[in-house]
Amino acid sequence: MVVYAGKKPSGKFNVASAQHILTRNPDKIAEIQKQLDKGVDFGRLARQYSNCPSGKKGGDLGEFRRGTMVAAFDAAVFAAKPGEVVGPVKTKFGYHLIKVHYLKN
C-alpha cells in the first residue's frame, strides 16, 4: 500500500468541502479503497467503516477553511481536484480516504 505522500497544495483556494473515511488499520483502508475502485458508494462505505463521528453522515465534513484540519489532511484536500478521491492519507488519527467535493476562495 502506498500512503499518500502529498502533492504541493494549490494556493488558489481557501475553502473546501469533502467527505472522508477514517480507520486506524492500514489494511482496512486498503480494502475500502478496493471497494471504491469497484464503484461502491463513498458515503455508504463511510457509514459502514469510518471511525470518525462524521461516518454517521456518510463522512461529510461540510465546508472548512484551509488550516482547519491537520496538516497532511489539509495538504491532500487542497492539492486534489473536485470529485477526486485521495489517499490513503496518514495522520495522527489514522488513515483517511478523502473525497473532495469542491474548492473555492
Protein backbone atom coordinates (compact mmCIF):
# COMPACT_ATOMS: atom_id res chain seq x y z
CA MET A 1 0.00 0.00 0.00
CA VAL A 2 1.24 3.47 -0.85
CA VAL A 3 0.33 6.08 1.73
CA TYR A 4 -0.37 9.46 0.16
CA ALA A 5 2.92 11.33 0.09
CA GLY A 6 1.21 14.55 -0.86
CA LYS A 7 1.32 16.93 -3.75
CA LYS A 8 2.10 20.56 -3.23
CA PRO A 9 -1.16 22.24 -2.20
CA SER A 10 -2.62 24.78 -4.55
CA GLY A 11 -2.52 28.30 -3.18
CA LYS A 12 -5.57 29.26 -5.22
CA PHE A 13 -8.27 28.09 -2.83
CA ASN A 14 -9.01 28.67 0.83
CA VAL A 15 -12.27 26.74 1.36
CA ALA A 16 -13.15 23.11 0.65
CA SER A 17 -15.99 20.64 1.10
CA ALA A 18 -15.19 16.96 1.49
CA GLN A 19 -16.15 13.57 2.87
CA HIS A 20 -13.72 11.14 4.45
CA ILE A 21 -13.38 7.63 5.75
CA LEU A 22 -11.08 7.15 8.76
CA THR A 23 -9.70 3.88 10.09
CA ARG A 24 -6.76 3.10 12.32
CA ASN A 25 -5.92 -0.01 10.30
CA PRO A 26 -3.90 0.38 7.07
CA ASP A 27 -5.10 -3.00 5.79
CA LYS A 28 -8.75 -1.98 6.29
CA ILE A 29 -8.26 1.31 4.41
CA ALA A 30 -6.72 -0.67 1.52
CA GLU A 31 -9.80 -2.94 1.46
CA ILE A 32 -12.10 0.08 1.43
CA GLN A 33 -10.09 1.61 -1.44
CA LYS A 34 -10.62 -1.57 -3.46
CA GLN A 35 -14.38 -1.30 -2.89
CA LEU A 36 -14.33 2.34 -4.03
CA ASP A 37 -12.40 1.29 -7.14
CA LYS A 38 -15.26 -1.14 -7.87
CA GLY A 39 -17.78 1.69 -7.68
CA VAL A 40 -19.23 1.22 -4.19
CA ASP A 41 -20.72 4.47 -2.87
CA PHE A 42 -18.31 6.55 -0.76
CA GLY A 43 -20.99 7.61 1.74
CA ARG A 44 -22.14 4.03 2.23
CA LEU A 45 -18.58 2.90 2.97
CA ALA A 46 -18.06 5.82 5.36
CA ARG A 47 -21.21 4.88 7.29
CA GLN A 48 -20.08 1.27 7.43
CA TYR A 49 -16.37 1.60 8.24
CA SER A 50 -15.34 5.08 9.40
CA ASN A 51 -14.17 5.54 13.00
CA CYS A 52 -14.93 9.26 12.82
CA PRO A 53 -18.26 10.60 14.15
CA SER A 54 -18.80 12.07 10.65
CA GLY A 55 -19.20 8.48 9.44
CA LYS A 56 -22.83 8.62 10.58
CA LYS A 57 -23.33 11.37 7.96
CA GLY A 58 -21.58 9.42 5.22
CA GLY A 59 -18.27 11.01 6.15
CA ASP A 60 -19.50 14.51 5.31
CA LEU A 61 -17.22 17.16 6.81
CA GLY A 62 -19.13 20.06 5.32
CA GLU A 63 -17.26 23.19 4.36
CA PHE A 64 -13.96 24.07 6.05
CA ARG A 65 -11.14 26.57 5.64
CA ARG A 66 -7.52 25.88 4.79
CA GLY A 67 -5.60 25.24 8.01
CA THR A 68 -8.60 23.86 9.92
CA MET A 69 -7.63 20.20 9.52
CA VAL A 70 -4.34 18.52 10.48
CA ALA A 71 -1.52 19.36 8.06
CA ALA A 72 -1.39 16.15 5.99
CA PHE A 73 -5.17 16.06 5.57
CA ASP A 74 -5.27 19.76 4.67
CA ALA A 75 -2.46 19.38 2.13
CA ALA A 76 -4.17 16.41 0.46
CA VAL A 77 -7.51 18.20 0.17
CA PHE A 78 -6.14 21.43 -1.27
CA ALA A 79 -3.91 19.58 -3.74
CA ALA A 80 -6.83 17.49 -5.07
CA LYS A 81 -9.27 18.19 -7.85
CA PRO A 82 -13.01 18.34 -7.12
CA GLY A 83 -14.55 14.88 -7.45
CA GLU A 84 -11.23 13.18 -6.77
CA VAL A 85 -10.72 10.61 -4.01
CA VAL A 86 -7.27 10.95 -2.45
CA GLY A 87 -5.41 8.78 -0.02
CA PRO A 88 -4.71 6.93 2.00
CA VAL A 89 -3.53 9.95 3.97
CA LYS A 90 -1.84 9.11 7.27
CA THR A 91 -2.42 11.45 10.21
CA LYS A 92 -2.21 11.10 13.98
CA PHE A 93 -5.84 9.89 13.86
CA GLY A 94 -5.22 7.03 11.43
CA TYR A 95 -5.67 6.54 7.69
CA HIS A 96 -8.06 8.63 5.62
CA LEU A 97 -9.63 8.34 2.20
CA ILE A 98 -10.92 11.77 1.22
CA LYS A 99 -13.45 12.71 -1.45
CA VAL A 100 -13.20 16.38 -2.34
CA HIS A 101 -16.49 17.98 -3.44
CA TYR A 102 -15.34 21.50 -4.21
CA LEU A 103 -12.64 24.08 -3.62
CA LYS A 104 -13.26 27.82 -3.58
CA ASN A 105 -11.99 31.12 -2.21
